[in-house]
Amino acid sequence: MRTSLATAELVARDTGILLMLDGAESSFLDLRDPSHLDFEYHQQMDAVLAALRGEGGPLRALHLGGAGCALARAWDVTHPGSQQVAVEIDEILASQVRTWFDLPRSPRLRIRVGDAAEVGKTLGKDEKSGKLTCISVYGVEKTRSRVEEEHVRAVADLERFGARAAFLRKLVDDMVGRTK
């Protein structure tokens, strides 16, 4: 099937369905065990989450690039009460995945069409709406200090995964240097 940006193919494999986009593996959803994560980078993200937050408990997550929403589907099962948003640039794919796969409904999982590079808020929006933020509570310098402390902790927690966690290490490093 043609989507907005690719050709999608659903392939039966083992106990689930593999979503292929232009011939590349994109998502695997296990039909017997929704908590099963087949892709290594999903497993790494799940392990980091467990290391930083512990097992279970609700979370709020933003997935940039949803595809088949395999990670969001797994976290819905392993973290009951979670609220997640998946941002997918491909409009047709975003609408089709709900018909193809047994995905949680809103508010547990919202699928939005948009460019992950443009996701975010207008500068100062939280302050204008009176929303509590780290900067409003701790100030800029203490917030910077806390971010640096958490960065050190995250990097240390990722060390046990070695080279397999290179992507997540870069993500953590990029988050420290982000400007918006």
Protein backbone atom coordinates (compact mmCIF):
# COMPACT_ATOMS: atom_id res chain seq x y z
CA MET A 1 0.00 0.00 0.00
CA ARG A 2 1.23 3.49 -0.82
CA THR A 3 1.41 5.94 2.11
CA SER A 4 2.18 9.65 1.95
CA LEU A 5 5.94 9.03 1.84
CA ALA A 6 6.60 5.31 1.30
CA THR A 7 5.28 1.95 0.23
CA ALA A 8 4.10 -0.02 3.26
CA GLU A 9 4.00 -3.80 3.43
CA LEU A 10 2.77 -5.98 6.29
CA VAL A 11 4.68 -9.26 6.63
CA ALA A 12 3.63 -12.11 8.94
CA ARG A 13 6.68 -13.20 10.96
CA ASP A 14 6.91 -15.51 13.96
CA THR A 15 4.15 -14.40 16.35
CA GLY A 16 3.56 -10.97 14.87
CA ILE A 17 3.48 -8.54 12.00
CA LEU A 18 6.49 -6.73 10.57
CA LEU A 19 5.79 -3.32 9.05
CA MET A 20 8.11 -2.66 6.13
CA LEU A 21 8.45 0.83 4.64
CA ASP A 22 10.11 0.94 1.23
CA GLY A 23 11.55 -2.51 1.95
CA ALA A 24 13.12 -1.53 5.29
CA GLU A 25 12.01 -3.02 8.61
CA SER A 26 10.13 -0.29 10.43
CA SER A 27 8.12 -1.86 13.29
CA PHE A 28 7.39 -5.31 14.65
CA LEU A 29 4.24 -5.88 16.68
CA ASP A 30 3.91 -9.21 18.47
CA LEU A 31 0.28 -10.34 18.30
CA ARG A 32 0.62 -12.65 21.32
CA ASP A 33 2.68 -10.42 23.60
CA PRO A 34 2.22 -6.66 23.18
CA SER A 35 5.07 -6.01 25.64
CA HIS A 36 7.59 -7.81 23.39
CA LEU A 37 10.09 -5.46 21.74
CA ASP A 38 11.82 -7.02 18.74
CA PHE A 39 14.07 -4.15 17.62
CA GLU A 40 17.29 -3.67 19.58
CA TYR A 41 16.96 0.11 19.84
CA HIS A 42 13.48 -0.35 21.39
CA GLN A 43 14.97 -2.80 23.89
CA GLN A 44 17.71 -0.28 24.73
CA MET A 45 15.23 2.54 25.25
CA ASP A 46 13.13 0.28 27.46
CA ALA A 47 16.21 -0.73 29.49
CA VAL A 48 17.23 2.90 29.98
CA LEU A 49 13.71 3.78 31.10
CA ALA A 50 13.77 0.88 33.59
CA ALA A 51 17.22 1.93 34.87
CA LEU A 52 16.16 5.55 35.35
CA ARG A 53 12.57 5.11 36.57
CA GLY A 54 12.29 1.51 37.74
CA GLU A 55 9.78 -1.04 36.51
CA GLY A 56 6.13 -0.20 35.91
CA GLY A 57 4.33 2.96 36.93
CA PRO A 58 2.65 5.35 34.51
CA LEU A 59 4.70 7.63 32.31
CA ARG A 60 4.23 10.41 29.82
CA ALA A 61 6.14 9.85 26.62
CA LEU A 62 6.56 11.61 23.31
CA HIS A 63 7.59 9.34 20.42
CA LEU A 64 9.12 11.22 17.50
CA GLY A 65 8.45 9.02 14.50
CA GLY A 66 5.69 6.61 15.39
CA ALA A 67 5.57 4.15 12.46
CA GLY A 68 3.74 1.10 13.89
CA CYS A 69 3.89 2.44 17.48
CA ALA A 70 5.50 -0.77 18.79
CA LEU A 71 7.29 0.95 21.68
CA ALA A 72 4.21 2.95 22.68
CA ARG A 73 2.11 -0.26 22.57
CA ALA A 74 4.62 -2.11 24.77
CA TRP A 75 4.87 0.73 27.29
CA ASP A 76 1.07 0.91 27.49
CA VAL A 77 1.14 -2.68 28.80
CA THR A 78 4.22 -2.42 31.03
CA HIS A 79 3.37 1.05 32.40
CA PRO A 80 -0.42 1.05 32.99
CA GLY A 81 -2.00 4.49 33.16
CA SER A 82 0.57 6.04 30.82
CA GLN A 83 -0.25 8.83 28.39
CA GLN A 84 1.77 8.86 25.18
CA VAL A 85 1.88 10.88 21.98
CA ALA A 86 3.40 9.57 18.75
CA VAL A 87 4.29 12.17 16.13
CA GLU A 88 4.42 10.68 12.63
CA ILE A 89 5.22 12.72 9.52
CA ASP A 90 3.46 10.31 7.16
CA GLU A 91 -0.25 11.24 7.28
CA ILE A 92 -1.57 8.07 5.62
CA LEU A 93 0.64 5.82 7.75
CA ALA A 94 -0.51 7.62 10.90
CA SER A 95 -4.15 6.92 10.05
CA GLN A 96 -3.60 3.33 8.86
CA VAL A 97 -1.67 1.95 11.84
CA ARG A 98 -4.79 2.07 14.01
CA THR A 99 -6.62 -0.12 11.49
CA TRP A 100 -3.68 -2.51 11.06
CA PHE A 101 -2.68 -2.92 14.71
CA ASP A 102 -4.33 -3.20 18.11
CA LEU A 103 -3.08 0.11 19.49
CA PRO A 104 -4.21 1.82 22.69
CA ARG A 105 -6.81 4.55 22.23
CA SER A 106 -6.59 8.17 23.36
CA PRO A 107 -5.68 9.36 25.99
CA ARG A 108 -3.36 6.35 26.40
CA LEU A 109 -1.90 6.87 22.90
CA ARG A 110 -2.51 9.87 20.70
CA ILE A 111 -1.11 9.72 17.17
CA ARG A 112 -0.46 13.13 15.65
CA VAL A 113 0.72 14.04 12.16
CA GLY A 114 3.69 16.37 12.15
CA ASP A 115 7.40 16.81 11.59
CA ALA A 116 9.41 15.61 14.59
CA ALA A 117 11.97 18.36 13.91
CA GLU A 118 9.28 20.99 14.51
CA VAL A 119 7.62 19.50 17.59
CA GLY A 120 7.82 21.79 20.57
CA LYS A 121 6.38 24.87 22.15
CA THR A 122 6.65 28.55 21.56
CA LEU A 123 9.44 30.11 23.64
CA GLY A 124 8.05 31.42 26.93
CA LYS A 125 4.69 29.65 26.58
CA ASP A 126 5.00 27.93 29.99
CA GLU A 127 5.91 31.17 31.74
CA LYS A 128 3.02 33.06 30.14
CA SER A 129 0.54 30.39 31.19
CA GLY A 130 1.93 30.26 34.75
CA LYS A 131 3.10 26.66 34.34
CA LEU A 132 5.59 25.39 36.89
CA THR A 133 8.99 24.57 35.31
CA CYS A 134 12.45 23.74 36.64
CA ILE A 135 13.65 27.21 35.72
CA SER A 136 10.75 28.92 37.50
CA VAL A 137 11.43 26.85 40.64
CA TYR A 138 15.24 26.58 40.69
CA GLY A 139 16.41 29.40 38.41
CA VAL A 140 18.60 29.07 35.34
CA GLU A 141 21.91 28.24 37.08
CA LYS A 142 20.55 25.57 39.43
CA THR A 143 18.55 24.04 36.56
CA ARG A 144 21.74 23.88 34.47
CA SER A 145 23.53 22.25 37.38
CA ARG A 146 20.74 19.67 37.82
CA VAL A 147 20.72 18.93 34.08
CA GLU A 148 24.48 18.33 34.20
CA GLU A 149 24.08 16.02 37.23
CA GLU A 150 21.34 14.01 35.49
CA HIS A 151 23.47 13.86 32.34
CA VAL A 152 26.32 12.30 34.32
CA ARG A 153 23.88 9.78 35.86
CA ALA A 154 22.35 8.89 32.49
CA VAL A 155 25.76 8.40 30.86
CA ALA A 156 26.87 6.18 33.76
CA ASP A 157 23.67 4.10 33.49
CA LEU A 158 24.25 3.66 29.74
CA GLU A 159 27.85 2.45 30.15
CA ARG A 160 26.81 -1.14 30.84
CA PHE A 161 25.29 -1.33 27.35
CA GLY A 162 28.58 -0.39 25.66
CA ALA A 163 28.54 0.43 21.95
CA ARG A 164 24.93 -0.81 21.65
CA ALA A 165 23.82 2.36 23.47
CA ALA A 166 25.66 4.81 21.19
CA PHE A 167 22.38 6.20 19.85
CA LEU A 168 20.99 6.79 23.34
CA ARG A 169 24.29 8.29 24.54
CA LYS A 170 24.16 10.79 21.64
CA LEU A 171 20.53 11.54 22.49
CA VAL A 172 21.43 12.28 26.12
CA ASP A 173 24.39 14.43 25.04
CA ASP A 174 22.21 16.33 22.55
CA MET A 175 19.53 16.95 25.19
CA VAL A 176 22.06 18.66 27.44
CA GLY A 177 23.08 21.02 24.65
CA ARG A 178 19.59 21.72 23.33
CA THR A 179 18.37 25.29 23.11
CA LYS A 180 14.62 24.78 22.75
